[in-house]
């Protein structure tokens, strides 16, 4: 069993998001001026993230790609959803809207090895 959840910047979430949902979430991150919010509000909610969960026997593995307003992207994998520390974590700087969408597209397909390769190449 698999589960895909998009967490929007200001708290909303969407199960099984479509491409338009991914684009809307990234729009909130990279086109802040259209939101009409103060810097404090924007800083309080700096990211959106997409998680891909997969049931393996009696546990759920979670792979997540977080996209931050600063252009930072973080790829994390948790062997079990209840783990406090990730199995691995990679960071990539200077990620723009188009690249962020590419990363999330890979995650929607469950292409974990491709994501790891992209993050390793960039770090």
N, C-alpha and C. Protein backbone atom coordinates (compact mmCIF):
# COMPACT_ATOMS: atom_id res chain seq x y z
N UNK A 1 0.83 -1.18 0.00
CA UNK A 1 0.00 0.00 0.00
C UNK A 1 0.88 1.25 0.00
N UNK A 2 0.47 2.28 -0.77
CA UNK A 2 1.23 3.52 -0.87
C UNK A 2 0.33 4.70 -0.52
N UNK A 3 0.96 5.78 -0.05
CA UNK A 3 0.23 6.96 0.37
C UNK A 3 1.06 8.20 0.01
N UNK A 4 0.46 9.13 -0.71
CA UNK A 4 1.13 10.35 -1.11
C UNK A 4 0.35 11.52 -0.52
N UNK A 5 1.06 12.41 0.22
CA UNK A 5 0.41 13.55 0.87
C UNK A 5 1.24 14.81 0.63
N UNK A 6 0.57 15.85 0.16
CA UNK A 6 1.18 17.16 -0.03
C UNK A 6 0.77 18.05 1.14
N UNK A 7 1.75 18.63 1.81
CA UNK A 7 1.50 19.57 2.90
C UNK A 7 1.80 20.98 2.40
N UNK A 8 0.75 21.79 2.35
CA UNK A 8 0.89 23.16 1.87
C UNK A 8 1.54 24.02 2.94
N UNK A 9 2.04 25.13 2.52
CA UNK A 9 2.80 26.05 3.37
C UNK A 9 2.06 26.49 4.63
N UNK A 10 0.78 26.73 4.54
CA UNK A 10 0.05 27.29 5.68
C UNK A 10 -0.83 26.28 6.40
N UNK A 11 -0.53 24.98 6.26
CA UNK A 11 -1.18 23.97 7.08
C UNK A 11 -2.14 23.04 6.39
N UNK A 12 -2.67 23.40 5.25
CA UNK A 12 -3.58 22.50 4.54
C UNK A 12 -2.79 21.33 3.97
N UNK A 13 -3.47 20.23 3.73
CA UNK A 13 -2.81 19.09 3.09
C UNK A 13 -3.78 18.42 2.11
N UNK A 14 -3.20 17.67 1.19
CA UNK A 14 -3.99 17.00 0.16
C UNK A 14 -3.43 15.62 -0.08
N UNK A 15 -4.30 14.61 0.06
CA UNK A 15 -3.90 13.24 -0.25
C UNK A 15 -4.01 13.03 -1.76
N UNK A 16 -3.10 12.24 -2.29
CA UNK A 16 -3.07 11.94 -3.73
C UNK A 16 -3.16 13.22 -4.56
N UNK A 17 -2.23 14.14 -4.35
CA UNK A 17 -2.30 15.41 -5.07
C UNK A 17 -2.07 15.24 -6.56
N UNK A 18 -2.69 16.12 -7.32
CA UNK A 18 -2.48 16.17 -8.76
C UNK A 18 -1.41 17.21 -9.05
N UNK A 19 -0.95 17.24 -10.28
CA UNK A 19 0.10 18.19 -10.65
C UNK A 19 -0.30 19.63 -10.34
N UNK A 20 -1.54 20.00 -10.56
CA UNK A 20 -2.01 21.36 -10.27
C UNK A 20 -1.85 21.69 -8.78
N UNK A 21 -2.04 20.70 -7.91
CA UNK A 21 -1.86 20.91 -6.47
C UNK A 21 -0.39 21.18 -6.15
N UNK A 22 0.50 20.42 -6.79
CA UNK A 22 1.94 20.63 -6.59
C UNK A 22 2.34 22.03 -7.04
N UNK A 23 1.84 22.43 -8.19
CA UNK A 23 2.14 23.77 -8.72
C UNK A 23 1.61 24.86 -7.79
N UNK A 24 0.43 24.66 -7.25
CA UNK A 24 -0.14 25.66 -6.33
C UNK A 24 0.70 25.79 -5.06
N UNK A 25 1.15 24.65 -4.52
CA UNK A 25 1.98 24.68 -3.32
C UNK A 25 3.30 25.41 -3.58
N UNK A 26 3.90 25.15 -4.73
CA UNK A 26 5.15 25.82 -5.07
C UNK A 26 4.94 27.30 -5.35
N UNK A 27 3.81 27.62 -5.89
CA UNK A 27 3.46 29.03 -6.11
C UNK A 27 3.44 29.79 -4.78
N UNK A 28 2.91 29.16 -3.74
CA UNK A 28 2.90 29.78 -2.41
C UNK A 28 4.31 30.02 -1.89
N UNK A 29 5.24 29.16 -2.26
CA UNK A 29 6.62 29.28 -1.80
C UNK A 29 7.40 30.33 -2.60
N UNK A 30 7.31 30.25 -3.91
CA UNK A 30 8.18 31.05 -4.77
C UNK A 30 7.58 32.35 -5.27
N UNK A 31 6.30 32.58 -5.05
CA UNK A 31 5.66 33.83 -5.49
C UNK A 31 4.95 34.49 -4.30
N UNK A 32 5.74 34.77 -3.29
CA UNK A 32 5.22 35.26 -2.02
C UNK A 32 4.52 36.61 -2.12
N UNK A 33 4.97 37.46 -2.99
CA UNK A 33 4.40 38.80 -3.05
C UNK A 33 2.91 38.77 -3.39
N UNK A 34 2.48 37.74 -4.09
CA UNK A 34 1.06 37.61 -4.45
C UNK A 34 0.20 37.27 -3.24
N UNK A 35 0.81 36.82 -2.15
CA UNK A 35 0.05 36.40 -0.97
C UNK A 35 -0.38 37.58 -0.10
N UNK A 36 0.33 38.70 -0.19
CA UNK A 36 -0.02 39.88 0.59
C UNK A 36 0.15 39.72 2.09
N UNK A 37 1.15 38.95 2.50
CA UNK A 37 1.40 38.70 3.92
C UNK A 37 2.64 39.43 4.40
N UNK A 38 2.77 39.58 5.70
CA UNK A 38 3.95 40.22 6.28
C UNK A 38 5.13 39.25 6.25
N UNK A 39 6.33 39.80 6.37
CA UNK A 39 7.54 38.98 6.42
C UNK A 39 7.47 37.99 7.59
N UNK A 40 6.93 38.43 8.71
CA UNK A 40 6.80 37.54 9.87
C UNK A 40 5.92 36.34 9.57
N UNK A 41 4.80 36.57 8.89
CA UNK A 41 3.92 35.46 8.53
C UNK A 41 4.61 34.50 7.56
N UNK A 42 5.32 35.06 6.60
CA UNK A 42 6.01 34.23 5.62
C UNK A 42 7.13 33.42 6.26
N UNK A 43 7.87 34.03 7.18
CA UNK A 43 8.97 33.35 7.84
C UNK A 43 8.47 32.23 8.77
N UNK A 44 7.29 32.43 9.33
CA UNK A 44 6.74 31.42 10.25
C UNK A 44 6.36 30.13 9.52
N UNK A 45 6.06 30.24 8.25
CA UNK A 45 5.67 29.08 7.44
C UNK A 45 6.57 29.04 6.20
N UNK A 46 7.82 28.55 6.35
CA UNK A 46 8.79 28.71 5.26
C UNK A 46 8.78 27.62 4.19
N UNK A 47 7.98 26.55 4.36
CA UNK A 47 8.12 25.44 3.43
C UNK A 47 6.81 24.71 3.15
N UNK A 48 6.87 23.92 2.10
CA UNK A 48 5.85 22.92 1.78
C UNK A 48 6.59 21.61 1.58
N UNK A 49 5.90 20.50 1.78
CA UNK A 49 6.58 19.22 1.59
C UNK A 49 5.62 18.17 1.07
N UNK A 50 6.22 17.22 0.37
CA UNK A 50 5.49 16.09 -0.20
C UNK A 50 6.07 14.82 0.41
N UNK A 51 5.18 13.96 0.90
CA UNK A 51 5.64 12.70 1.48
C UNK A 51 5.06 11.52 0.71
N UNK A 52 5.90 10.52 0.55
CA UNK A 52 5.52 9.27 -0.10
C UNK A 52 5.70 8.17 0.95
N UNK A 53 4.59 7.60 1.40
CA UNK A 53 4.65 6.53 2.39
C UNK A 53 4.34 5.20 1.74
N UNK A 54 5.04 4.19 2.20
CA UNK A 54 4.83 2.85 1.65
C UNK A 54 4.86 1.84 2.79
N UNK A 55 3.84 0.99 2.82
CA UNK A 55 3.78 -0.03 3.85
C UNK A 55 4.68 -1.20 3.46
N UNK A 56 5.59 -1.53 4.36
CA UNK A 56 6.46 -2.68 4.21
C UNK A 56 6.32 -3.55 5.45
N UNK A 57 5.64 -4.65 5.30
CA UNK A 57 5.31 -5.54 6.41
C UNK A 57 4.54 -4.78 7.48
N UNK A 58 5.11 -4.64 8.67
CA UNK A 58 4.37 -4.00 9.77
C UNK A 58 4.80 -2.55 10.01
N UNK A 59 5.45 -1.94 9.04
CA UNK A 59 5.89 -0.56 9.22
C UNK A 59 5.62 0.25 7.96
N UNK A 60 5.67 1.58 8.11
CA UNK A 60 5.51 2.51 6.98
C UNK A 60 6.81 3.25 6.77
N UNK A 61 7.44 3.09 5.61
CA UNK A 61 8.60 3.91 5.28
C UNK A 61 8.10 5.21 4.68
N UNK A 62 8.80 6.28 4.99
CA UNK A 62 8.40 7.62 4.53
C UNK A 62 9.58 8.27 3.82
N UNK A 63 9.35 8.74 2.61
CA UNK A 63 10.33 9.56 1.88
C UNK A 63 9.68 10.93 1.69
N UNK A 64 10.42 11.96 2.00
CA UNK A 64 9.87 13.32 1.98
C UNK A 64 10.80 14.26 1.24
N UNK A 65 10.23 15.18 0.45
CA UNK A 65 10.99 16.26 -0.15
C UNK A 65 10.36 17.57 0.33
N UNK A 66 11.13 18.31 1.13
CA UNK A 66 10.72 19.61 1.66
C UNK A 66 11.32 20.70 0.78
N UNK A 67 10.51 21.69 0.42
CA UNK A 67 10.98 22.82 -0.37
C UNK A 67 10.78 24.09 0.46
N UNK A 68 11.88 24.84 0.65
CA UNK A 68 11.86 26.05 1.47
C UNK A 68 11.92 27.31 0.62
N UNK A 69 11.39 28.38 1.16
CA UNK A 69 11.36 29.66 0.47
C UNK A 69 12.75 30.17 0.14
N UNK A 70 13.76 29.72 0.84
CA UNK A 70 15.15 30.13 0.59
C UNK A 70 15.76 29.42 -0.62
N UNK A 71 15.05 28.43 -1.16
CA UNK A 71 15.60 27.63 -2.25
C UNK A 71 16.25 26.35 -1.78
N UNK A 72 16.17 26.08 -0.50
CA UNK A 72 16.69 24.83 0.05
C UNK A 72 15.68 23.71 -0.18
N UNK A 73 16.18 22.56 -0.60
CA UNK A 73 15.36 21.35 -0.71
C UNK A 73 16.02 20.27 0.15
N UNK A 74 15.19 19.53 0.87
CA UNK A 74 15.70 18.46 1.74
C UNK A 74 14.98 17.17 1.39
N UNK A 75 15.76 16.14 1.09
CA UNK A 75 15.25 14.80 0.85
C UNK A 75 15.55 13.96 2.08
N UNK A 76 14.52 13.37 2.68
CA UNK A 76 14.69 12.56 3.88
C UNK A 76 13.96 11.24 3.72
N UNK A 77 14.54 10.20 4.32
CA UNK A 77 13.86 8.90 4.36
C UNK A 77 13.87 8.40 5.79
N UNK A 78 12.68 7.96 6.22
CA UNK A 78 12.52 7.36 7.54
C UNK A 78 12.14 5.90 7.33
N UNK A 79 12.88 4.99 7.95
CA UNK A 79 12.61 3.57 7.81
C UNK A 79 11.23 3.22 8.35
N UNK A 80 10.77 4.00 9.33
CA UNK A 80 9.43 3.82 9.89
C UNK A 80 8.88 5.20 10.24
N UNK A 81 7.60 5.38 10.04
CA UNK A 81 6.98 6.69 10.29
C UNK A 81 7.15 7.18 11.72
N UNK A 82 7.41 6.28 12.66
CA UNK A 82 7.57 6.66 14.06
C UNK A 82 9.01 6.98 14.44
N UNK A 83 9.95 6.81 13.50
CA UNK A 83 11.36 7.09 13.79
C UNK A 83 11.59 8.59 13.99
N UNK A 84 12.44 8.92 14.95
CA UNK A 84 12.78 10.32 15.20
C UNK A 84 13.89 10.80 14.25
N UNK A 85 14.79 9.90 13.89
CA UNK A 85 15.92 10.25 13.04
C UNK A 85 15.78 9.59 11.67
N UNK A 86 16.14 10.32 10.62
CA UNK A 86 16.02 9.75 9.29
C UNK A 86 17.09 8.70 9.01
N UNK A 87 16.76 7.79 8.12
CA UNK A 87 17.72 6.81 7.62
C UNK A 87 18.80 7.54 6.81
N UNK A 88 18.36 8.53 6.03
CA UNK A 88 19.29 9.43 5.34
C UNK A 88 18.61 10.78 5.13
N UNK A 89 19.47 11.77 4.86
CA UNK A 89 18.97 13.11 4.56
C UNK A 89 19.99 13.79 3.66
N UNK A 90 19.51 14.38 2.56
CA UNK A 90 20.34 15.13 1.63
C UNK A 90 19.76 16.52 1.47
N UNK A 91 20.66 17.48 1.24
CA UNK A 91 20.24 18.86 1.07
C UNK A 91 20.76 19.40 -0.26
N UNK A 92 19.98 20.28 -0.84
CA UNK A 92 20.34 20.91 -2.10
C UNK A 92 19.93 22.37 -2.03
N UNK A 93 20.83 23.28 -2.38
CA UNK A 93 20.54 24.71 -2.35
C UNK A 93 20.24 25.23 -3.75
N UNK A 94 19.71 26.43 -3.81
CA UNK A 94 19.43 27.13 -5.07
C UNK A 94 18.43 26.37 -5.94
N UNK A 95 17.42 25.80 -5.30
CA UNK A 95 16.36 25.11 -6.03
C UNK A 95 15.27 26.12 -6.35
N UNK A 96 14.95 26.24 -7.62
CA UNK A 96 13.88 27.12 -8.05
C UNK A 96 12.58 26.35 -8.24
N UNK A 97 11.57 27.04 -8.68
CA UNK A 97 10.24 26.46 -8.82
C UNK A 97 10.21 25.28 -9.79
N UNK A 98 10.87 25.42 -10.94
CA UNK A 98 10.86 24.35 -11.95
C UNK A 98 11.56 23.10 -11.44
N UNK A 99 12.71 23.28 -10.81
CA UNK A 99 13.45 22.13 -10.29
C UNK A 99 12.69 21.47 -9.14
N UNK A 100 12.08 22.28 -8.29
CA UNK A 100 11.28 21.73 -7.19
C UNK A 100 10.16 20.86 -7.73
N UNK A 101 9.51 21.31 -8.79
CA UNK A 101 8.44 20.53 -9.39
C UNK A 101 8.97 19.21 -9.96
N UNK A 102 10.14 19.24 -10.55
CA UNK A 102 10.76 18.01 -11.05
C UNK A 102 11.02 17.02 -9.91
N UNK A 103 11.52 17.53 -8.79
CA UNK A 103 11.80 16.67 -7.64
C UNK A 103 10.51 16.05 -7.11
N UNK A 104 9.47 16.86 -6.98
CA UNK A 104 8.20 16.33 -6.50
C UNK A 104 7.60 15.35 -7.50
N UNK A 105 7.76 15.60 -8.79
CA UNK A 105 7.26 14.65 -9.79
C UNK A 105 7.94 13.29 -9.62
N UNK A 106 9.24 13.29 -9.38
CA UNK A 106 9.94 12.03 -9.13
C UNK A 106 9.36 11.31 -7.92
N UNK A 107 9.11 12.06 -6.86
CA UNK A 107 8.56 11.45 -5.64
C UNK A 107 7.17 10.89 -5.87
N UNK A 108 6.34 11.56 -6.66
CA UNK A 108 4.99 11.05 -6.92
C UNK A 108 5.05 9.69 -7.61
N UNK A 109 6.12 9.45 -8.35
CA UNK A 109 6.31 8.16 -9.03
C UNK A 109 7.03 7.15 -8.16
N UNK A 110 7.44 7.55 -6.96
CA UNK A 110 8.16 6.64 -6.07
C UNK A 110 9.58 6.38 -6.53
N UNK A 111 10.16 7.31 -7.29
CA UNK A 111 11.50 7.15 -7.86
C UNK A 111 12.57 7.56 -6.86
N UNK A 112 12.65 6.83 -5.78
CA UNK A 112 13.57 7.18 -4.69
C UNK A 112 15.02 7.18 -5.13
N UNK A 113 15.45 6.18 -5.87
CA UNK A 113 16.86 6.11 -6.28
C UNK A 113 17.23 7.28 -7.19
N UNK A 114 16.32 7.72 -8.06
CA UNK A 114 16.58 8.88 -8.91
C UNK A 114 16.69 10.15 -8.07
N UNK A 115 15.83 10.28 -7.06
CA UNK A 115 15.90 11.44 -6.17
C UNK A 115 17.23 11.48 -5.44
N UNK A 116 17.64 10.35 -4.89
CA UNK A 116 18.92 10.29 -4.17
C UNK A 116 20.05 10.70 -5.11
N UNK A 117 20.06 10.19 -6.33
CA UNK A 117 21.11 10.52 -7.30
C UNK A 117 21.11 12.02 -7.59
N UNK A 118 19.94 12.62 -7.78
CA UNK A 118 19.88 14.07 -8.05
C UNK A 118 20.42 14.88 -6.89
N UNK A 119 20.03 14.50 -5.68
CA UNK A 119 20.49 15.26 -4.51
C UNK A 119 22.00 15.06 -4.30
N UNK A 120 22.50 13.86 -4.52
CA UNK A 120 23.94 13.63 -4.38
C UNK A 120 24.73 14.44 -5.40
N UNK A 121 24.22 14.52 -6.62
CA UNK A 121 24.89 15.29 -7.67
C UNK A 121 24.94 16.77 -7.34
N UNK A 122 23.92 17.26 -6.65
CA UNK A 122 23.82 18.69 -6.35
C UNK A 122 24.55 19.10 -5.07
N UNK A 123 24.80 18.14 -4.18
CA UNK A 123 25.39 18.53 -2.89
C UNK A 123 26.89 18.40 -2.88
